[in-house]
Amino acid sequence: MKISKRNIFTRIRKIVIYFIVVMTISQLSMIFVNSLQAEVFTATAYCSCKKCCDKDPSSRWYGITASGRKAMWGTVAVDRRVIGLGTRLRIEGFPDTIFRADDVGGAIKGKHIDLWFPSHRKALEFGRQKLVVELASG
């Protein structure tokens, strides 16, 4: 089988075009993600139970977050050095919820968030996931 120079140049041109398209899409996606201030975080879950928070239900601090608010759906624990308390967040997989960074935890370090759930069972079902977290505007 004879391969002509024309076929070789056509293949090389297709490879170069493919490479340029892939690189352009990659660069644009990085710019888009950075402009939204979105990053991938490790997400875990907790509830207000003694096992998760080490607070007895009879304690006056039971269910109260580090910011002094009552834990409820939309509460998230963060590392204050990464996300400030009171920051509003959008989290992948929960399009209808604006979360609020109201809590902290000893195991929450770096790009790790802990979502509050109303029951221990629900928190366990959530498990550990990698999710995109971004600042909510407005």
N, C-alpha and C. Protein backbone atom coordinates (compact mmCIF):
# COMPACT_ATOMS: atom_id res chain seq x y z
N MET A 1 0.85 -1.18 0.00
CA MET A 1 0.00 0.00 0.00
C MET A 1 0.89 1.24 0.00
N LYS A 2 0.64 2.07 -0.94
CA LYS A 2 1.46 3.27 -1.10
C LYS A 2 0.74 4.44 -0.42
N ILE A 3 1.48 5.17 0.42
CA ILE A 3 0.93 6.33 1.12
C ILE A 3 1.50 7.58 0.46
N SER A 4 0.61 8.42 0.01
CA SER A 4 1.06 9.64 -0.66
C SER A 4 1.36 10.75 0.35
N LYS A 5 2.14 11.71 -0.09
CA LYS A 5 2.45 12.85 0.76
C LYS A 5 1.19 13.63 1.10
N ARG A 6 0.29 13.66 0.17
CA ARG A 6 -0.98 14.38 0.39
C ARG A 6 -1.76 13.77 1.55
N ASN A 7 -1.83 12.43 1.62
CA ASN A 7 -2.52 11.75 2.73
C ASN A 7 -1.86 12.04 4.07
N ILE A 8 -0.55 12.06 4.08
CA ILE A 8 0.19 12.34 5.32
C ILE A 8 -0.10 13.76 5.79
N PHE A 9 -0.03 14.73 4.88
CA PHE A 9 -0.29 16.12 5.26
C PHE A 9 -1.74 16.31 5.70
N THR A 10 -2.67 15.61 5.07
CA THR A 10 -4.08 15.70 5.47
C THR A 10 -4.26 15.17 6.89
N ARG A 11 -3.64 14.05 7.20
CA ARG A 11 -3.71 13.49 8.56
C ARG A 11 -3.09 14.43 9.59
N ILE A 12 -1.93 14.96 9.26
CA ILE A 12 -1.25 15.88 10.18
C ILE A 12 -2.12 17.11 10.42
N ARG A 13 -2.70 17.65 9.34
CA ARG A 13 -3.56 18.82 9.48
C ARG A 13 -4.76 18.52 10.38
N LYS A 14 -5.37 17.36 10.22
CA LYS A 14 -6.51 16.99 11.08
C LYS A 14 -6.10 16.87 12.55
N ILE A 15 -4.93 16.29 12.78
CA ILE A 15 -4.43 16.15 14.15
C ILE A 15 -4.16 17.52 14.77
N VAL A 16 -3.55 18.42 14.01
CA VAL A 16 -3.26 19.77 14.50
C VAL A 16 -4.55 20.52 14.81
N ILE A 17 -5.52 20.44 13.91
CA ILE A 17 -6.81 21.11 14.14
C ILE A 17 -7.48 20.54 15.39
N TYR A 18 -7.49 19.22 15.52
CA TYR A 18 -8.07 18.58 16.70
C TYR A 18 -7.39 19.08 17.98
N PHE A 19 -6.06 19.13 17.95
CA PHE A 19 -5.30 19.60 19.11
C PHE A 19 -5.66 21.04 19.46
N ILE A 20 -5.75 21.91 18.46
CA ILE A 20 -6.08 23.31 18.70
C ILE A 20 -7.49 23.44 19.29
N VAL A 21 -8.44 22.69 18.77
CA VAL A 21 -9.82 22.74 19.29
C VAL A 21 -9.86 22.28 20.74
N VAL A 22 -9.20 21.17 21.04
CA VAL A 22 -9.18 20.65 22.42
C VAL A 22 -8.54 21.65 23.37
N MET A 23 -7.42 22.23 22.98
CA MET A 23 -6.74 23.20 23.83
C MET A 23 -7.58 24.46 24.04
N THR A 24 -8.25 24.92 23.00
CA THR A 24 -9.11 26.10 23.11
C THR A 24 -10.27 25.84 24.06
N ILE A 25 -10.92 24.71 23.92
CA ILE A 25 -12.03 24.36 24.82
C ILE A 25 -11.52 24.24 26.25
N SER A 26 -10.37 23.62 26.43
CA SER A 26 -9.80 23.47 27.77
C SER A 26 -9.52 24.84 28.40
N GLN A 27 -8.92 25.75 27.64
CA GLN A 27 -8.60 27.07 28.17
C GLN A 27 -9.87 27.86 28.48
N LEU A 28 -10.86 27.79 27.60
CA LEU A 28 -12.12 28.51 27.85
C LEU A 28 -12.84 27.97 29.07
N SER A 29 -12.82 26.66 29.25
CA SER A 29 -13.50 26.09 30.42
C SER A 29 -12.80 26.51 31.71
N MET A 30 -11.48 26.61 31.69
CA MET A 30 -10.75 27.06 32.88
C MET A 30 -11.09 28.51 33.20
N ILE A 31 -11.18 29.35 32.19
CA ILE A 31 -11.53 30.75 32.40
C ILE A 31 -12.94 30.85 32.94
N PHE A 32 -13.87 30.08 32.37
CA PHE A 32 -15.27 30.11 32.80
C PHE A 32 -15.40 29.65 34.24
N VAL A 33 -14.75 28.55 34.61
CA VAL A 33 -14.84 28.05 35.98
C VAL A 33 -14.23 29.05 36.95
N ASN A 34 -13.07 29.61 36.62
CA ASN A 34 -12.44 30.57 37.52
C ASN A 34 -13.28 31.83 37.69
N SER A 35 -13.98 32.25 36.64
CA SER A 35 -14.79 33.45 36.75
C SER A 35 -15.98 33.23 37.67
N LEU A 36 -16.43 32.00 37.78
CA LEU A 36 -17.54 31.68 38.68
C LEU A 36 -17.05 31.39 40.09
N GLN A 37 -15.76 31.34 40.26
CA GLN A 37 -15.16 30.99 41.54
C GLN A 37 -15.65 29.62 42.00
N ALA A 38 -15.67 28.67 41.09
CA ALA A 38 -16.12 27.32 41.38
C ALA A 38 -14.91 26.40 41.53
N GLU A 39 -14.99 25.52 42.51
CA GLU A 39 -13.91 24.56 42.74
C GLU A 39 -14.50 23.25 43.21
N VAL A 40 -13.74 22.19 43.03
CA VAL A 40 -14.16 20.87 43.48
C VAL A 40 -13.76 20.72 44.95
N PHE A 41 -14.73 20.34 45.75
CA PHE A 41 -14.52 20.10 47.18
C PHE A 41 -14.90 18.66 47.52
N THR A 42 -14.32 18.13 48.57
CA THR A 42 -14.79 16.88 49.14
C THR A 42 -15.97 17.23 50.02
N ALA A 43 -17.10 16.57 49.81
CA ALA A 43 -18.30 16.86 50.59
C ALA A 43 -18.68 15.64 51.41
N THR A 44 -18.92 15.87 52.69
CA THR A 44 -19.44 14.84 53.58
C THR A 44 -20.71 15.39 54.20
N ALA A 45 -21.30 14.63 55.10
CA ALA A 45 -22.57 15.06 55.68
C ALA A 45 -22.58 14.80 57.19
N TYR A 46 -23.39 15.58 57.89
CA TYR A 46 -23.57 15.40 59.32
C TYR A 46 -24.99 15.78 59.70
N CYS A 47 -25.35 15.45 60.92
CA CYS A 47 -26.65 15.87 61.47
C CYS A 47 -26.36 16.43 62.86
N SER A 48 -27.38 16.73 63.60
CA SER A 48 -27.17 17.33 64.93
C SER A 48 -27.00 16.31 66.04
N CYS A 49 -26.98 15.02 65.72
CA CYS A 49 -26.95 13.98 66.76
C CYS A 49 -25.64 13.99 67.55
N LYS A 50 -25.65 13.30 68.67
CA LYS A 50 -24.48 13.23 69.53
C LYS A 50 -23.29 12.60 68.81
N LYS A 51 -23.57 11.62 67.97
CA LYS A 51 -22.50 10.94 67.24
C LYS A 51 -21.78 11.90 66.28
N CYS A 52 -22.53 12.77 65.63
CA CYS A 52 -21.95 13.70 64.65
C CYS A 52 -21.36 14.95 65.31
N CYS A 53 -22.04 15.47 66.33
CA CYS A 53 -21.65 16.77 66.89
C CYS A 53 -21.17 16.73 68.33
N ASP A 54 -21.27 15.57 68.94
CA ASP A 54 -20.86 15.41 70.34
C ASP A 54 -21.60 16.37 71.27
N LYS A 55 -22.87 16.64 70.96
CA LYS A 55 -23.71 17.48 71.82
C LYS A 55 -24.94 16.68 72.20
N ASP A 56 -25.25 16.68 73.47
CA ASP A 56 -26.43 15.98 73.97
C ASP A 56 -27.68 16.79 73.62
N PRO A 57 -28.78 16.10 73.25
CA PRO A 57 -30.02 16.82 72.94
C PRO A 57 -30.53 17.71 74.07
N SER A 58 -30.13 17.41 75.31
CA SER A 58 -30.57 18.23 76.43
C SER A 58 -29.73 19.52 76.59
N SER A 59 -28.62 19.61 75.88
CA SER A 59 -27.75 20.78 75.95
C SER A 59 -28.40 21.98 75.25
N ARG A 60 -28.20 23.14 75.80
CA ARG A 60 -28.75 24.34 75.15
C ARG A 60 -28.05 24.64 73.83
N TRP A 61 -26.87 24.05 73.59
CA TRP A 61 -26.12 24.26 72.36
C TRP A 61 -26.43 23.20 71.30
N TYR A 62 -27.33 22.28 71.62
CA TYR A 62 -27.68 21.22 70.66
C TYR A 62 -28.30 21.83 69.40
N GLY A 63 -27.74 21.50 68.24
CA GLY A 63 -28.27 21.99 66.97
C GLY A 63 -27.89 23.42 66.63
N ILE A 64 -27.02 24.02 67.43
CA ILE A 64 -26.59 25.41 67.19
C ILE A 64 -25.22 25.37 66.50
N THR A 65 -25.09 26.15 65.44
CA THR A 65 -23.85 26.17 64.67
C THR A 65 -22.83 27.14 65.26
N ALA A 66 -21.64 27.13 64.68
CA ALA A 66 -20.57 28.02 65.14
C ALA A 66 -20.94 29.49 64.97
N SER A 67 -21.83 29.80 64.03
CA SER A 67 -22.25 31.18 63.83
C SER A 67 -23.40 31.56 64.76
N GLY A 68 -23.88 30.60 65.57
CA GLY A 68 -24.96 30.89 66.52
C GLY A 68 -26.36 30.64 65.96
N ARG A 69 -26.44 30.21 64.72
CA ARG A 69 -27.74 29.92 64.12
C ARG A 69 -28.11 28.46 64.32
N LYS A 70 -29.40 28.16 64.25
CA LYS A 70 -29.85 26.79 64.36
C LYS A 70 -29.55 26.06 63.05
N ALA A 71 -28.99 24.86 63.15
CA ALA A 71 -28.70 24.05 61.97
C ALA A 71 -30.01 23.65 61.30
N MET A 72 -30.04 23.79 59.98
CA MET A 72 -31.22 23.41 59.19
C MET A 72 -30.74 23.08 57.79
N TRP A 73 -31.68 22.59 56.96
CA TRP A 73 -31.30 22.29 55.59
C TRP A 73 -30.74 23.56 54.95
N GLY A 74 -29.55 23.44 54.35
CA GLY A 74 -28.88 24.58 53.76
C GLY A 74 -27.66 25.02 54.57
N THR A 75 -27.53 24.43 55.77
CA THR A 75 -26.36 24.73 56.61
C THR A 75 -25.19 23.87 56.14
N VAL A 76 -24.04 24.48 56.07
CA VAL A 76 -22.84 23.74 55.68
C VAL A 76 -21.69 24.15 56.59
N ALA A 77 -20.89 23.16 56.97
CA ALA A 77 -19.70 23.42 57.78
C ALA A 77 -18.50 23.54 56.84
N VAL A 78 -17.63 24.50 57.12
CA VAL A 78 -16.49 24.81 56.25
C VAL A 78 -15.24 25.05 57.08
N ASP A 79 -14.12 25.11 56.38
CA ASP A 79 -12.87 25.56 56.98
C ASP A 79 -12.86 27.08 56.80
N ARG A 80 -12.87 27.83 57.89
CA ARG A 80 -12.95 29.30 57.84
C ARG A 80 -11.82 29.94 57.05
N ARG A 81 -10.69 29.24 56.95
CA ARG A 81 -9.57 29.80 56.19
C ARG A 81 -9.82 29.73 54.70
N VAL A 82 -10.75 28.87 54.27
CA VAL A 82 -11.06 28.70 52.85
C VAL A 82 -12.35 29.43 52.48
N ILE A 83 -13.38 29.28 53.30
CA ILE A 83 -14.68 29.91 53.07
C ILE A 83 -15.10 30.59 54.36
N GLY A 84 -15.37 31.86 54.30
CA GLY A 84 -15.77 32.60 55.49
C GLY A 84 -17.17 32.24 55.97
N LEU A 85 -17.36 32.30 57.29
CA LEU A 85 -18.70 32.06 57.82
C LEU A 85 -19.66 33.10 57.26
N GLY A 86 -20.86 32.65 56.94
CA GLY A 86 -21.87 33.53 56.36
C GLY A 86 -21.88 33.54 54.84
N THR A 87 -20.87 32.93 54.22
CA THR A 87 -20.79 32.89 52.76
C THR A 87 -21.92 32.03 52.19
N ARG A 88 -22.53 32.52 51.13
CA ARG A 88 -23.60 31.78 50.46
C ARG A 88 -23.00 30.98 49.31
N LEU A 89 -23.43 29.72 49.20
CA LEU A 89 -22.82 28.80 48.24
C LEU A 89 -23.87 28.06 47.41
N ARG A 90 -23.48 27.74 46.19
CA ARG A 90 -24.25 26.80 45.37
C ARG A 90 -23.41 25.52 45.31
N ILE A 91 -24.10 24.38 45.46
CA ILE A 91 -23.39 23.11 45.49
C ILE A 91 -23.99 22.19 44.44
N GLU A 92 -23.12 21.61 43.63
CA GLU A 92 -23.53 20.69 42.57
C GLU A 92 -24.47 19.61 43.13
N GLY A 93 -25.53 19.35 42.41
CA GLY A 93 -26.48 18.31 42.82
C GLY A 93 -27.66 18.84 43.61
N PHE A 94 -27.59 20.11 44.02
CA PHE A 94 -28.67 20.73 44.80
C PHE A 94 -29.04 22.07 44.15
N PRO A 95 -29.64 22.04 42.96
CA PRO A 95 -29.87 23.27 42.20
C PRO A 95 -30.86 24.23 42.85
N ASP A 96 -31.72 23.74 43.71
CA ASP A 96 -32.75 24.61 44.31
C ASP A 96 -32.37 25.13 45.69
N THR A 97 -31.15 24.89 46.14
CA THR A 97 -30.74 25.29 47.49
C THR A 97 -29.54 26.23 47.43
N ILE A 98 -29.67 27.34 48.15
CA ILE A 98 -28.51 28.20 48.39
C ILE A 98 -28.05 27.85 49.81
N PHE A 99 -26.85 27.32 49.91
CA PHE A 99 -26.30 26.92 51.21
C PHE A 99 -25.64 28.12 51.87
N ARG A 100 -25.51 28.04 53.18
CA ARG A 100 -24.85 29.10 53.94
C ARG A 100 -23.80 28.47 54.84
N ALA A 101 -22.58 29.00 54.77
CA ALA A 101 -21.48 28.50 55.60
C ALA A 101 -21.68 29.03 57.02
N ASP A 102 -22.31 28.23 57.86
CA ASP A 102 -22.64 28.65 59.23
C ASP A 102 -21.93 27.83 60.30
N ASP A 103 -21.21 26.81 59.91
CA ASP A 103 -20.65 25.91 60.92
C ASP A 103 -19.21 25.56 60.57
N VAL A 104 -18.51 25.03 61.55
CA VAL A 104 -17.15 24.54 61.38
C VAL A 104 -17.08 23.17 62.05
N GLY A 105 -16.01 22.47 61.81
CA GLY A 105 -15.83 21.17 62.46
C GLY A 105 -14.36 20.83 62.51
N GLY A 106 -13.99 20.04 63.50
CA GLY A 106 -12.58 19.68 63.68
C GLY A 106 -11.99 18.94 62.49
N ALA A 107 -12.81 18.18 61.78
CA ALA A 107 -12.32 17.39 60.65
C ALA A 107 -12.46 18.13 59.32
N ILE A 108 -13.00 19.34 59.34
CA ILE A 108 -13.22 20.10 58.11
C ILE A 108 -11.99 20.96 57.86
N LYS A 109 -11.14 20.50 56.95
CA LYS A 109 -9.88 21.19 56.65
C LYS A 109 -9.74 21.37 55.14
N GLY A 110 -9.33 22.56 54.73
CA GLY A 110 -9.07 22.82 53.31
C GLY A 110 -10.35 22.78 52.49
N LYS A 111 -10.25 22.16 51.32
CA LYS A 111 -11.38 22.09 50.40
C LYS A 111 -12.29 20.92 50.77
N HIS A 112 -12.88 21.03 51.94
CA HIS A 112 -13.78 20.01 52.47
C HIS A 112 -14.98 20.74 53.06
N ILE A 113 -16.17 20.34 52.70
CA ILE A 113 -17.38 20.90 53.29
C ILE A 113 -18.19 19.76 53.89
N ASP A 114 -19.03 20.10 54.84
CA ASP A 114 -19.87 19.13 55.53
C ASP A 114 -21.30 19.66 55.50
N LEU A 115 -22.18 18.98 54.77
CA LEU A 115 -23.56 19.41 54.62
C LEU A 115 -24.41 18.86 55.76
N TRP A 116 -25.28 19.70 56.32
CA TRP A 116 -26.17 19.27 57.39
C TRP A 116 -27.38 18.57 56.80
N PHE A 117 -27.74 17.44 57.38
CA PHE A 117 -28.95 16.70 57.01
C PHE A 117 -29.83 16.53 58.24
N PRO A 118 -31.14 16.39 58.07
CA PRO A 118 -32.06 16.31 59.20
C PRO A 118 -32.00 15.00 59.98
N SER A 119 -31.35 13.98 59.43
CA SER A 119 -31.25 12.71 60.17
C SER A 119 -29.89 12.08 59.93
N HIS A 120 -29.50 11.25 60.87
CA HIS A 120 -28.22 10.56 60.77
C HIS A 120 -28.24 9.61 59.57
N ARG A 121 -29.38 8.95 59.35
CA ARG A 121 -29.53 8.03 58.23
C ARG A 121 -29.29 8.74 56.90
N LYS A 122 -29.90 9.93 56.73
CA LYS A 122 -29.73 10.70 55.50
C LYS A 122 -28.26 11.12 55.31
N ALA A 123 -27.62 11.50 56.41
CA ALA A 123 -26.21 11.90 56.34
C ALA A 123 -25.35 10.72 55.89
N LEU A 124 -25.62 9.54 56.44
CA LEU A 124 -24.86 8.36 56.05
C LEU A 124 -25.11 8.00 54.59
N GLU A 125 -26.35 8.15 54.14
CA GLU A 125 -26.68 7.85 52.74
C GLU A 125 -25.92 8.78 51.78
N PHE A 126 -25.73 10.02 52.18
CA PHE A 126 -24.99 10.97 51.34
C PHE A 126 -23.55 10.52 51.20
N GLY A 127 -22.96 10.08 52.29
CA GLY A 127 -21.59 9.57 52.26
C GLY A 127 -20.55 10.63 52.00
N ARG A 128 -19.61 10.32 51.13
CA ARG A 128 -18.49 11.20 50.79
C ARG A 128 -18.47 11.35 49.28
N GLN A 129 -18.48 12.58 48.80
CA GLN A 129 -18.54 12.84 47.37
C GLN A 129 -17.62 13.99 47.01
N LYS A 130 -17.26 14.06 45.75
CA LYS A 130 -16.54 15.21 45.20
C LYS A 130 -17.59 16.04 44.46
N LEU A 131 -17.75 17.30 44.87
CA LEU A 131 -18.77 18.17 44.27
C LEU A 131 -18.18 19.53 43.93
N VAL A 132 -18.75 20.16 42.93
CA VAL A 132 -18.34 21.53 42.57
C VAL A 132 -19.10 22.49 43.47
N VAL A 133 -18.35 23.37 44.09
CA VAL A 133 -18.92 24.39 44.99
C VAL A 133 -18.57 25.75 44.41
N GLU A 134 -19.55 26.66 44.38
CA GLU A 134 -19.27 28.00 43.88
C GLU A 134 -19.97 29.02 44.76
N LEU A 135 -19.43 30.21 44.76
CA LEU A 135 -20.05 31.31 45.51
C LEU A 135 -21.36 31.67 44.84
N ALA A 136 -22.39 31.85 45.65
CA ALA A 136 -23.69 32.27 45.12
C ALA A 136 -23.71 33.78 45.03
N SER A 137 -24.10 34.30 43.90
CA SER A 137 -24.15 35.75 43.75
C SER A 137 -25.45 36.29 44.31
N GLY A 138 -25.38 37.52 44.77
CA GLY A 138 -26.59 38.20 45.25
C GLY A 138 -26.94 37.89 46.58
